[in-house]
Amino acid sequence: MSIQPIDLQTLFLKMTQVGKDQAVEKDSIMLQQTLQGHEIAKRNQHSDNSVNKANNSDAGPEKTKEDKEQGGNHDQKKRKKEKNKTFEDKEILSDPDLGKNIDISG
């Protein structure tokens, strides 16, 4: 199978087009990588600027100070209830002659 002169003419005419096609293909790979880089940068910028929901840490040393404070408030409420119970259990004595008004005029 030898190459005929007509085949060479066709090949020479298409050489410029083949070169252009290969250049476009080579540039398209770089363009796709550039676009993906810009997209990743946009997503990172968006995640940096957005407010993310915090994860709930239920137990362990990774508890935050806020979690401990909430637990502390719960303990304080429990202690107050216990004090009120002990206060209610005690009998309160009052003198009926004293009255309930306070004289602030002097």
PDB file of N, CA and C in Angstrom:
ATOM      1  N   MET A   1       0.827  -1.180   0.000  1.00  0.00           N
ATOM      2  CA  MET A   1       0.000   0.000   0.000  1.00  0.00           C
ATOM      3  C   MET A   1       0.864   1.233   0.000  1.00  0.00           C
ATOM      4  N   SER A   2       1.072   1.705  -1.092  1.00  0.00           N
ATOM      5  CA  SER A   2       1.869   2.911  -1.219  1.00  0.00           C
ATOM      6  C   SER A   2       0.968   4.141  -1.144  1.00  0.00           C
ATOM      7  N   ILE A   3       1.588   5.273  -0.881  1.00  0.00           N
ATOM      8  CA  ILE A   3       0.844   6.524  -0.791  1.00  0.00           C
ATOM      9  C   ILE A   3       0.826   7.140  -2.182  1.00  0.00           C
ATOM     10  N   GLN A   4      -0.341   7.446  -2.608  1.00  0.00           N
ATOM     11  CA  GLN A   4      -0.528   8.060  -3.915  1.00  0.00           C
ATOM     12  C   GLN A   4      -0.395   9.578  -3.792  1.00  0.00           C
ATOM     13  N   PRO A   5      -0.046  10.265  -4.887  1.00  0.00           N
ATOM     14  CA  PRO A   5       0.088  11.724  -4.838  1.00  0.00           C
ATOM     15  C   PRO A   5      -1.208  12.420  -4.433  1.00  0.00           C
ATOM     16  N   ILE A   6      -2.337  11.889  -4.780  1.00  0.00           N
ATOM     17  CA  ILE A   6      -3.607  12.508  -4.394  1.00  0.00           C
ATOM     18  C   ILE A   6      -3.803  12.442  -2.884  1.00  0.00           C
ATOM     19  N   ASP A   7      -3.314  11.363  -2.289  1.00  0.00           N
ATOM     20  CA  ASP A   7      -3.383  11.220  -0.835  1.00  0.00           C
ATOM     21  C   ASP A   7      -2.502  12.259  -0.150  1.00  0.00           C
ATOM     22  N   LEU A   8      -1.334  12.502  -0.720  1.00  0.00           N
ATOM     23  CA  LEU A   8      -0.440  13.505  -0.150  1.00  0.00           C
ATOM     24  C   LEU A   8      -1.060  14.900  -0.218  1.00  0.00           C
ATOM     25  N   GLN A   9      -1.743  15.207  -1.316  1.00  0.00           N
ATOM     26  CA  GLN A   9      -2.392  16.507  -1.428  1.00  0.00           C
ATOM     27  C   GLN A   9      -3.456  16.657  -0.347  1.00  0.00           C
ATOM     28  N   THR A  10      -4.205  15.619  -0.122  1.00  0.00           N
ATOM     29  CA  THR A  10      -5.262  15.668   0.895  1.00  0.00           C
ATOM     30  C   THR A  10      -4.641  15.820   2.288  1.00  0.00           C
ATOM     31  N   LEU A  11      -3.568  15.089   2.535  1.00  0.00           N
ATOM     32  CA  LEU A  11      -2.906  15.169   3.831  1.00  0.00           C
ATOM     33  C   LEU A  11      -2.303  16.557   4.066  1.00  0.00           C
ATOM     34  N   PHE A  12      -1.680  17.135   3.050  1.00  0.00           N
ATOM     35  CA  PHE A  12      -1.078  18.451   3.202  1.00  0.00           C
ATOM     36  C   PHE A  12      -2.134  19.519   3.451  1.00  0.00           C
ATOM     37  N   LEU A  13      -3.277  19.379   2.825  1.00  0.00           N
ATOM     38  CA  LEU A  13      -4.345  20.355   3.032  1.00  0.00           C
ATOM     39  C   LEU A  13      -4.912  20.256   4.465  1.00  0.00           C
ATOM     40  N   LYS A  14      -4.948  19.051   4.990  1.00  0.00           N
ATOM     41  CA  LYS A  14      -5.529  18.864   6.315  1.00  0.00           C
ATOM     42  C   LYS A  14      -4.513  19.065   7.439  1.00  0.00           C
ATOM     43  N   MET A  15      -3.238  19.224   7.120  1.00  0.00           N
ATOM     44  CA  MET A  15      -2.207  19.377   8.148  1.00  0.00           C
ATOM     45  C   MET A  15      -2.459  20.604   9.022  1.00  0.00           C
ATOM     46  N   THR A  16      -2.870  21.700   8.424  1.00  0.00           N
ATOM     47  CA  THR A  16      -3.124  22.915   9.205  1.00  0.00           C
ATOM     48  C   THR A  16      -4.294  22.693  10.163  1.00  0.00           C
ATOM     49  N   GLN A  17      -5.323  21.995   9.670  1.00  0.00           N
ATOM     50  CA  GLN A  17      -6.483  21.725  10.518  1.00  0.00           C
ATOM     51  C   GLN A  17      -6.122  20.775  11.657  1.00  0.00           C
ATOM     52  N   VAL A  18      -5.305  19.775  11.372  1.00  0.00           N
ATOM     53  CA  VAL A  18      -4.881  18.821  12.408  1.00  0.00           C
ATOM     54  C   VAL A  18      -4.077  19.542  13.476  1.00  0.00           C
ATOM     55  N   GLY A  19      -3.201  20.427  13.091  1.00  0.00           N
ATOM     56  CA  GLY A  19      -2.413  21.205  14.046  1.00  0.00           C
ATOM     57  C   GLY A  19      -3.297  22.060  14.931  1.00  0.00           C
ATOM     58  N   LYS A  20      -4.299  22.700  14.317  1.00  0.00           N
ATOM     59  CA  LYS A  20      -5.228  23.532  15.086  1.00  0.00           C
ATOM     60  C   LYS A  20      -6.033  22.678  16.058  1.00  0.00           C
ATOM     61  N   ASP A  21      -6.485  21.512  15.588  1.00  0.00           N
ATOM     62  CA  ASP A  21      -7.275  20.623  16.452  1.00  0.00           C
ATOM     63  C   ASP A  21      -6.453  20.170  17.662  1.00  0.00           C
ATOM     64  N   GLN A  22      -5.198  19.813  17.433  1.00  0.00           N
ATOM     65  CA  GLN A  22      -4.359  19.378  18.541  1.00  0.00           C
ATOM     66  C   GLN A  22      -4.067  20.516  19.518  1.00  0.00           C
ATOM     67  N   ALA A  23      -3.883  21.731  19.010  1.00  0.00           N
ATOM     68  CA  ALA A  23      -3.644  22.885  19.875  1.00  0.00           C
ATOM     69  C   ALA A  23      -4.879  23.177  20.736  1.00  0.00           C
ATOM     70  N   VAL A  24      -6.066  23.080  20.125  1.00  0.00           N
ATOM     71  CA  VAL A  24      -7.303  23.309  20.870  1.00  0.00           C
ATOM     72  C   VAL A  24      -7.478  22.244  21.945  1.00  0.00           C
ATOM     73  N   GLU A  25      -7.179  20.994  21.591  1.00  0.00           N
ATOM     74  CA  GLU A  25      -7.299  19.905  22.562  1.00  0.00           C
ATOM     75  C   GLU A  25      -6.338  20.104  23.733  1.00  0.00           C
ATOM     76  N   LYS A  26      -5.116  20.543  23.428  1.00  0.00           N
ATOM     77  CA  LYS A  26      -4.130  20.782  24.472  1.00  0.00           C
ATOM     78  C   LYS A  26      -4.558  21.952  25.362  1.00  0.00           C
ATOM     79  N   ASP A  27      -5.077  23.006  24.755  1.00  0.00           N
ATOM     80  CA  ASP A  27      -5.533  24.174  25.512  1.00  0.00           C
ATOM     81  C   ASP A  27      -6.796  23.868  26.318  1.00  0.00           C
ATOM     82  N   SER A  28      -7.639  22.987  25.818  1.00  0.00           N
ATOM     83  CA  SER A  28      -8.880  22.690  26.524  1.00  0.00           C
ATOM     84  C   SER A  28      -8.603  21.981  27.855  1.00  0.00           C
ATOM     85  N   ILE A  29      -7.551  21.157  27.889  1.00  0.00           N
ATOM     86  CA  ILE A  29      -7.185  20.491  29.146  1.00  0.00           C
ATOM     87  C   ILE A  29      -6.755  21.538  30.177  1.00  0.00           C
ATOM     88  N   MET A  30      -5.929  22.485  29.746  1.00  0.00           N
ATOM     89  CA  MET A  30      -5.496  23.545  30.660  1.00  0.00           C
ATOM     90  C   MET A  30      -6.666  24.417  31.084  1.00  0.00           C
ATOM     91  N   LEU A  31      -7.586  24.693  30.170  1.00  0.00           N
ATOM     92  CA  LEU A  31      -8.751  25.508  30.477  1.00  0.00           C
ATOM     93  C   LEU A  31      -9.657  24.805  31.490  1.00  0.00           C
ATOM     94  N   GLN A  32      -9.849  23.502  31.325  1.00  0.00           N
ATOM     95  CA  GLN A  32     -10.663  22.740  32.272  1.00  0.00           C
ATOM     96  C   GLN A  32     -10.029  22.759  33.662  1.00  0.00           C
ATOM     97  N   GLN A  33      -8.720  22.606  33.742  1.00  0.00           N
ATOM     98  CA  GLN A  33      -8.049  22.644  35.034  1.00  0.00           C
ATOM     99  C   GLN A  33      -8.184  24.021  35.685  1.00  0.00           C
ATOM    100  N   THR A  34      -8.093  25.058  34.874  1.00  0.00           N
ATOM    101  CA  THR A  34      -8.239  26.417  35.396  1.00  0.00           C
ATOM    102  C   THR A  34      -9.648  26.641  35.923  1.00  0.00           C
ATOM    103  N   LEU A  35     -10.651  26.199  35.173  1.00  0.00           N
ATOM    104  CA  LEU A  35     -12.038  26.355  35.613  1.00  0.00           C
ATOM    105  C   LEU A  35     -12.301  25.576  36.894  1.00  0.00           C
ATOM    106  N   GLN A  36     -11.767  24.364  37.000  1.00  0.00           N
ATOM    107  CA  GLN A  36     -11.948  23.586  38.227  1.00  0.00           C
ATOM    108  C   GLN A  36     -11.264  24.270  39.407  1.00  0.00           C
ATOM    109  N   GLY A  37     -10.108  24.863  39.171  1.00  0.00           N
ATOM    110  CA  GLY A  37      -9.417  25.602  40.228  1.00  0.00           C
ATOM    111  C   GLY A  37     -10.229  26.781  40.714  1.00  0.00           C
ATOM    112  N   HIS A  38     -10.845  27.523  39.781  1.00  0.00           N
ATOM    113  CA  HIS A  38     -11.694  28.659  40.154  1.00  0.00           C
ATOM    114  C   HIS A  38     -12.920  28.187  40.930  1.00  0.00           C
ATOM    115  N   GLU A  39     -13.506  27.079  40.519  1.00  0.00           N
ATOM    116  CA  GLU A  39     -14.684  26.541  41.204  1.00  0.00           C
ATOM    117  C   GLU A  39     -14.337  26.115  42.625  1.00  0.00           C
ATOM    118  N   ILE A  40     -13.205  25.465  42.798  1.00  0.00           N
ATOM    119  CA  ILE A  40     -12.768  25.058  44.138  1.00  0.00           C
ATOM    120  C   ILE A  40     -12.509  26.290  45.008  1.00  0.00           C
ATOM    121  N   ALA A  41     -11.893  27.304  44.427  1.00  0.00           N
ATOM    122  CA  ALA A  41     -11.624  28.537  45.166  1.00  0.00           C
ATOM    123  C   ALA A  41     -12.923  29.212  45.593  1.00  0.00           C
ATOM    124  N   LYS A  42     -13.942  29.208  44.721  1.00  0.00           N
ATOM    125  CA  LYS A  42     -15.242  29.797  45.064  1.00  0.00           C
ATOM    126  C   LYS A  42     -15.889  29.039  46.220  1.00  0.00           C
ATOM    127  N   ARG A  43     -15.854  27.691  46.158  1.00  0.00           N
ATOM    128  CA  ARG A  43     -16.453  26.887  47.233  1.00  0.00           C
ATOM    129  C   ARG A  43     -15.734  27.135  48.562  1.00  0.00           C
ATOM    130  N   ASN A  44     -14.412  27.218  48.524  1.00  0.00           N
ATOM    131  CA  ASN A  44     -13.658  27.488  49.744  1.00  0.00           C
ATOM    132  C   ASN A  44     -13.982  28.873  50.305  1.00  0.00           C
ATOM    133  N   GLN A  45     -14.078  29.850  49.424  1.00  0.00           N
ATOM    134  CA  GLN A  45     -14.421  31.211  49.853  1.00  0.00           C
ATOM    135  C   GLN A  45     -15.807  31.248  50.460  1.00  0.00           C
ATOM    136  N   HIS A  46     -16.753  30.532  49.842  1.00  0.00           N
ATOM    137  CA  HIS A  46     -18.123  30.490  50.361  1.00  0.00           C
ATOM    138  C   HIS A  46     -18.170  29.810  51.728  1.00  0.00           C
ATOM    139  N   SER A  47     -17.441  28.720  51.880  1.00  0.00           N
ATOM    140  CA  SER A  47     -17.447  28.022  53.173  1.00  0.00           C
ATOM    141  C   SER A  47     -16.743  28.850  54.247  1.00  0.00           C
ATOM    142  N   ASP A  48     -15.749  29.646  53.869  1.00  0.00           N
ATOM    143  CA  ASP A  48     -15.078  30.512  54.837  1.00  0.00           C
ATOM    144  C   ASP A  48     -15.984  31.644  55.297  1.00  0.00           C
ATOM    145  N   ASN A  49     -16.826  32.153  54.402  1.00  0.00           N
ATOM    146  CA  ASN A  49     -17.682  33.291  54.735  1.00  0.00           C
ATOM    147  C   ASN A  49     -19.013  32.890  55.341  1.00  0.00           C
ATOM    148  N   SER A  50     -19.380  31.623  55.249  1.00  0.00           N
ATOM    149  CA  SER A  50     -20.674  31.204  55.768  1.00  0.00           C
ATOM    150  C   SER A  50     -20.554  30.752  57.212  1.00  0.00           C
ATOM    151  N   VAL A  51     -21.690  30.790  57.905  1.00  0.00           N
ATOM    152  CA  VAL A  51     -21.747  30.338  59.288  1.00  0.00           C
ATOM    153  C   VAL A  51     -22.168  28.883  59.277  1.00  0.00           C
ATOM    154  N   ASN A  52     -21.352  28.039  59.879  1.00  0.00           N
ATOM    155  CA  ASN A  52     -21.631  26.612  59.879  1.00  0.00           C
ATOM    156  C   ASN A  52     -22.251  26.206  61.205  1.00  0.00           C
ATOM    157  N   LYS A  53     -23.120  25.219  61.157  1.00  0.00           N
ATOM    158  CA  LYS A  53     -23.758  24.718  62.362  1.00  0.00           C
ATOM    159  C   LYS A  53     -22.741  23.909  63.158  1.00  0.00           C
ATOM    160  N   ALA A  54     -22.702  24.153  64.457  1.00  0.00           N
ATOM    161  CA  ALA A  54     -21.742  23.462  65.308  1.00  0.00           C
ATOM    162  C   ALA A  54     -22.192  22.037  65.561  1.00  0.00           C
ATOM    163  N   ASN A  55     -21.227  21.158  65.721  1.00  0.00           N
ATOM    164  CA  ASN A  55     -21.531  19.771  66.039  1.00  0.00           C
ATOM    165  C   ASN A  55     -21.858  19.651  67.522  1.00  0.00           C
ATOM    166  N   ASN A  56     -22.801  18.789  67.848  1.00  0.00           N
ATOM    167  CA  ASN A  56     -23.143  18.553  69.243  1.00  0.00           C
ATOM    168  C   ASN A  56     -22.166  17.542  69.825  1.00  0.00           C
ATOM    169  N   SER A  57     -21.480  17.950  70.874  1.00  0.00           N
ATOM    170  CA  SER A  57     -20.587  17.016  71.555  1.00  0.00           C
ATOM    171  C   SER A  57     -21.277  16.632  72.862  1.00  0.00           C
ATOM    172  N   ASP A  58     -21.693  15.386  72.947  1.00  0.00           N
ATOM    173  CA  ASP A  58     -22.483  14.945  74.078  1.00  0.00           C
ATOM    174  C   ASP A  58     -21.642  14.575  75.288  1.00  0.00           C
ATOM    175  N   ALA A  59     -20.544  13.929  75.083  1.00  0.00           N
ATOM    176  CA  ALA A  59     -19.762  13.472  76.225  1.00  0.00           C
ATOM    177  C   ALA A  59     -18.287  13.482  75.879  1.00  0.00           C
ATOM    178  N   GLY A  60     -17.475  13.306  76.902  1.00  0.00           N
ATOM    179  CA  GLY A  60     -16.051  13.180  76.679  1.00  0.00           C
ATOM    180  C   GLY A  60     -15.301  14.464  76.935  1.00  0.00           C
ATOM    181  N   PRO A  61     -14.004  14.422  76.759  1.00  0.00           N
ATOM    182  CA  PRO A  61     -13.174  15.592  77.047  1.00  0.00           C
ATOM    183  C   PRO A  61     -13.363  16.710  76.033  1.00  0.00           C
ATOM    184  N   GLU A  62     -14.022  16.434  74.921  1.00  0.00           N
ATOM    185  CA  GLU A  62     -14.198  17.473  73.912  1.00  0.00           C
ATOM    186  C   GLU A  62     -15.386  18.375  74.200  1.00  0.00           C
ATOM    187  N   LYS A  63     -16.008  18.238  75.376  1.00  0.00           N
ATOM    188  CA  LYS A  63     -17.121  19.115  75.740  1.00  0.00           C
ATOM    189  C   LYS A  63     -16.643  20.559  75.806  1.00  0.00           C
ATOM    190  N   THR A  64     -17.484  21.452  75.408  1.00  0.00           N
ATOM    191  CA  THR A  64     -17.108  22.858  75.431  1.00  0.00           C
ATOM    192  C   THR A  64     -17.439  23.468  76.775  1.00  0.00           C
ATOM    193  N   LYS A  65     -16.929  24.652  76.991  1.00  0.00           N
ATOM    194  CA  LYS A  65     -17.180  25.358  78.245  1.00  0.00           C
ATOM    195  C   LYS A  65     -18.667  25.656  78.389  1.00  0.00           C
ATOM    196  N   GLU A  66     -19.317  25.959  77.276  1.00  0.00           N
ATOM    197  CA  GLU A  66     -20.748  26.255  77.318  1.00  0.00           C
ATOM    198  C   GLU A  66     -21.547  25.055  77.799  1.00  0.00           C
ATOM    199  N   ASP A  67     -21.160  23.864  77.359  1.00  0.00           N
ATOM    200  CA  ASP A  67     -21.855  22.663  77.795  1.00  0.00           C
ATOM    201  C   ASP A  67     -21.708  22.489  79.300  1.00  0.00           C
ATOM    202  N   LYS A  68     -20.509  22.773  79.806  1.00  0.00           N
ATOM    203  CA  LYS A  68     -20.284  22.637  81.241  1.00  0.00           C
ATOM    204  C   LYS A  68     -21.106  23.669  82.006  1.00  0.00           C
ATOM    205  N   GLU A  69     -21.200  24.890  81.475  1.00  0.00           N
ATOM    206  CA  GLU A  69     -21.982  25.925  82.145  1.00  0.00           C
ATOM    207  C   GLU A  69     -23.454  25.550  82.182  1.00  0.00           C
ATOM    208  N   GLN A  70     -23.955  24.996  81.106  1.00  0.00           N
ATOM    209  CA  GLN A  70     -25.359  24.578  81.099  1.00  0.00           C
ATOM    210  C   GLN A  70     -25.589  23.497  82.130  1.00  0.00           C
ATOM    211  N   GLY A  71     -24.663  22.576  82.237  1.00  0.00           N
ATOM    212  CA  GLY A  71     -24.770  21.536  83.254  1.00  0.00           C
ATOM    213  C   GLY A  71     -24.670  22.142  84.637  1.00  0.00           C
ATOM    214  N   GLY A  72     -23.814  23.150  84.803  1.00  0.00           N
ATOM    215  CA  GLY A  72     -23.673  23.840  86.076  1.00  0.00           C
ATOM    216  C   GLY A  72     -24.958  24.547  86.456  1.00  0.00           C
ATOM    217  N   ASN A  73     -25.625  25.174  85.500  1.00  0.00           N
ATOM    218  CA  ASN A  73     -26.893  25.832  85.776  1.00  0.00           C
ATOM    219  C   ASN A  73     -27.929  24.826  86.235  1.00  0.00           C
ATOM    220  N   HIS A  74     -27.907  23.665  85.642  1.00  0.00           N
ATOM    221  CA  HIS A  74     -28.842  22.617  86.024  1.00  0.00           C
ATOM    222  C   HIS A  74     -28.578  22.184  87.460  1.00  0.00           C
ATOM    223  N   ASP A  75     -27.290  22.054  87.815  1.00  0.00           N
ATOM    224  CA  ASP A  75     -26.933  21.678  89.177  1.00  0.00           C
ATOM    225  C   ASP A  75     -27.336  22.765  90.163  1.00  0.00           C
ATOM    226  N   GLN A  76     -27.159  24.020  89.785  1.00  0.00           N
ATOM    227  CA  GLN A  76     -27.534  25.119  90.664  1.00  0.00           C
ATOM    228  C   GLN A  76     -29.036  25.140  90.908  1.00  0.00           C
ATOM    229  N   LYS A  77     -29.809  24.891  89.868  1.00  0.00           N
ATOM    230  CA  LYS A  77     -31.263  24.848  90.032  1.00  0.00           C
ATOM    231  C   LYS A  77     -31.661  23.721  90.975  1.00  0.00           C
ATOM    232  N   LYS A  78     -30.983  22.589  90.830  1.00  0.00           N
ATOM    233  CA  LYS A  78     -31.273  21.438  91.685  1.00  0.00           C
ATOM    234  C   LYS A  78     -30.964  21.785  93.142  1.00  0.00           C
ATOM    235  N   ARG A  79     -29.845  22.478  93.379  1.00  0.00           N
ATOM    236  CA  ARG A  79     -29.472  22.867  94.751  1.00  0.00           C
ATOM    237  C   ARG A  79     -30.482  23.842  95.339  1.00  0.00           C
ATOM    238  N   LYS A  80     -30.960  24.789  94.522  1.00  0.00           N
ATOM    239  CA  LYS A  80     -31.947  25.752  95.007  1.00  0.00           C
ATOM    240  C   LYS A  80     -33.236  25.042  95.404  1.00  0.00           C
ATOM    241  N   LYS A  81     -33.638  24.058  94.612  1.00  0.00           N
ATOM    242  CA  LYS A  81     -34.842  23.308  94.957  1.00  0.00           C
ATOM    243  C   LYS A  81     -34.657  22.571  96.273  1.00  0.00           C
ATOM    244  N   GLU A  82     -33.469  21.999  96.478  1.00  0.00           N
ATOM    245  CA  GLU A  82     -33.196  21.299  97.726  1.00  0.00           C
ATOM    246  C   GLU A  82     -33.221  22.262  98.906  1.00  0.00           C
ATOM    247  N   LYS A  83     -32.670  23.475  98.726  1.00  0.00           N
ATOM    248  CA  LYS A  83     -32.686  24.471  99.796  1.00  0.00           C
ATOM    249  C   LYS A  83     -34.120  24.887 100.109  1.00  0.00           C
ATOM    250  N   ASN A  84     -34.933  25.081  99.066  1.00  0.00           N
ATOM    251  CA  ASN A  84     -36.327  25.454  99.287  1.00  0.00           C
ATOM    252  C   ASN A  84     -37.065  24.364 100.047  1.00  0.00           C
ATOM    253  N   LYS A  85     -36.778  23.119  99.743  1.00  0.00           N
ATOM    254  CA  LYS A  85     -37.432  22.014 100.448  1.00  0.00           C
ATOM    255  C   LYS A  85     -37.038  22.023 101.919  1.00  0.00           C
ATOM    256  N   THR A  86     -35.742  22.230 102.184  1.00  0.00           N
ATOM    257  CA  THR A  86     -35.305  22.248 103.588  1.00  0.00           C
ATOM    258  C   THR A  86     -35.861  23.475 104.287  1.00  0.00           C
ATOM    259  N   PHE A  87     -35.984  24.596 103.578  1.00  0.00           N
ATOM    260  CA  PHE A  87     -36.536  25.811 104.152  1.00  0.00           C
ATOM    261  C   PHE A  87     -38.013  25.616 104.471  1.00  0.00           C
ATOM    262  N   GLU A  88     -38.738  24.943 103.582  1.00  0.00           N
ATOM    263  CA  GLU A  88     -40.157  24.693 103.803  1.00  0.00           C
ATOM    264  C   GLU A  88     -40.380  23.713 104.948  1.00  0.00           C
ATOM    265  N   ASP A  89     -39.438  22.814 105.148  1.00  0.00           N
ATOM    266  CA  ASP A  89     -39.568  21.832 106.212  1.00  0.00           C
ATOM    267  C   ASP A  89     -39.422  22.468 107.597  1.00  0.00           C
ATOM    268  N   LYS A  90     -38.673  23.558 107.695  1.00  0.00           N
ATOM    269  CA  LYS A  90     -38.459  24.216 108.980  1.00  0.00           C
ATOM    270  C   LYS A  90     -39.690  25.042 109.349  1.00  0.00           C
ATOM    271  N   GLU A  91     -39.937  25.115 110.620  1.00  0.00           N
ATOM    272  CA  GLU A  91     -41.078  25.891 111.105  1.00  0.00           C
ATOM    273  C   GLU A  91     -40.629  27.331 111.319  1.00  0.00           C
ATOM    274  N   ILE A  92     -41.389  28.266 110.807  1.00  0.00           N
ATOM    275  CA  ILE A  92     -41.050  29.677 110.927  1.00  0.00           C
ATOM    276  C   ILE A  92     -41.896  30.265 112.047  1.00  0.00           C
ATOM    277  N   LEU A  93     -41.226  30.883 112.995  1.00  0.00           N
ATOM    278  CA  LEU A  93     -41.907  31.514 114.125  1.00  0.00           C
ATOM    279  C   LEU A  93     -41.930  33.015 113.894  1.00  0.00           C
ATOM    280  N   SER A  94     -43.035  33.662 114.210  1.00  0.00           N
ATOM    281  CA  SER A  94     -43.127  35.113 114.074  1.00  0.00           C
ATOM    282  C   SER A  94     -43.888  35.675 115.266  1.00  0.00           C
ATOM    283  N   ASP A  95     -43.583  36.888 115.617  1.00  0.00           N
ATOM    284  CA  ASP A  95     -44.220  37.573 116.744  1.00  0.00           C
ATOM    285  C   ASP A  95     -45.395  38.368 116.213  1.00  0.00           C
ATOM    286  N   PRO A  96     -46.612  38.113 116.680  1.00  0.00           N
ATOM    287  CA  PRO A  96     -47.770  38.844 116.165  1.00  0.00           C
ATOM    288  C   PRO A  96     -47.787  40.301 116.589  1.00  0.00           C
ATOM    289  N   ASP A  97     -47.049  40.686 117.634  1.00  0.00           N
ATOM    290  CA  ASP A  97     -47.041  42.075 118.100  1.00  0.00           C
ATOM    291  C   ASP A  97     -46.164  42.973 117.222  1.00  0.00           C
ATOM    292  N   LEU A  98     -45.262  42.394 116.462  1.00  0.00           N
ATOM    293  CA  LEU A  98     -44.348  43.215 115.653  1.00  0.00           C
ATOM    294  C   LEU A  98     -45.053  43.841 114.465  1.00  0.00           C
ATOM    295  N   GLY A  99     -45.936  43.173 113.811  1.00  0.00           N
ATOM    296  CA  GLY A  99     -46.587  43.699 112.642  1.00  0.00           C
ATOM    297  C   GLY A  99     -45.728  43.526 111.401  1.00  0.00           C
ATOM    298  N   LYS A 100     -46.246  44.023 110.286  1.00  0.00           N
ATOM    299  CA  LYS A 100     -45.548  43.806 109.025  1.00  0.00           C
ATOM    300  C   LYS A 100     -45.135  45.105 108.361  1.00  0.00           C
ATOM    301  N   ASN A 101     -45.419  46.222 108.935  1.00  0.00           N
ATOM    302  CA  ASN A 101     -45.049  47.524 108.343  1.00  0.00           C
ATOM    303  C   ASN A 101     -43.735  47.999 108.903  1.00  0.00           C
ATOM    304  N   ILE A 102     -42.972  48.710 108.088  1.00  0.00           N
ATOM    305  CA  ILE A 102     -41.692  49.252 108.493  1.00  0.00           C
ATOM    306  C   ILE A 102     -41.809  50.772 108.498  1.00  0.00           C
ATOM    307  N   ASP A 103     -41.378  51.416 109.576  1.00  0.00           N
ATOM    308  CA  ASP A 103     -41.422  52.873 109.695  1.00  0.00           C
ATOM    309  C   ASP A 103     -40.107  53.444 109.197  1.00  0.00           C
ATOM    310  N   ILE A 104     -40.144  54.101 108.053  1.00  0.00           N
ATOM    311  CA  ILE A 104     -38.912  54.642 107.483  1.00  0.00           C
ATOM    312  C   ILE A 104     -38.784  56.152 107.719  1.00  0.00           C
ATOM    313  N   SER A 105     -39.793  56.792 108.309  1.00  0.00           N
ATOM    314  CA  SER A 105     -39.733  58.225 108.504  1.00  0.00           C
ATOM    315  C   SER A 105     -38.801  58.601 109.664  1.00  0.00           C
ATOM    316  N   GLY A 106     -38.534  57.726 110.561  1.00  0.00           N
ATOM    317  CA  GLY A 106     -37.553  57.949 111.621  1.00  0.00           C
ATOM    318  C   GLY A 106     -38.197  58.321 112.850  1.00  0.00           C
TER     319      GLY A 106
END
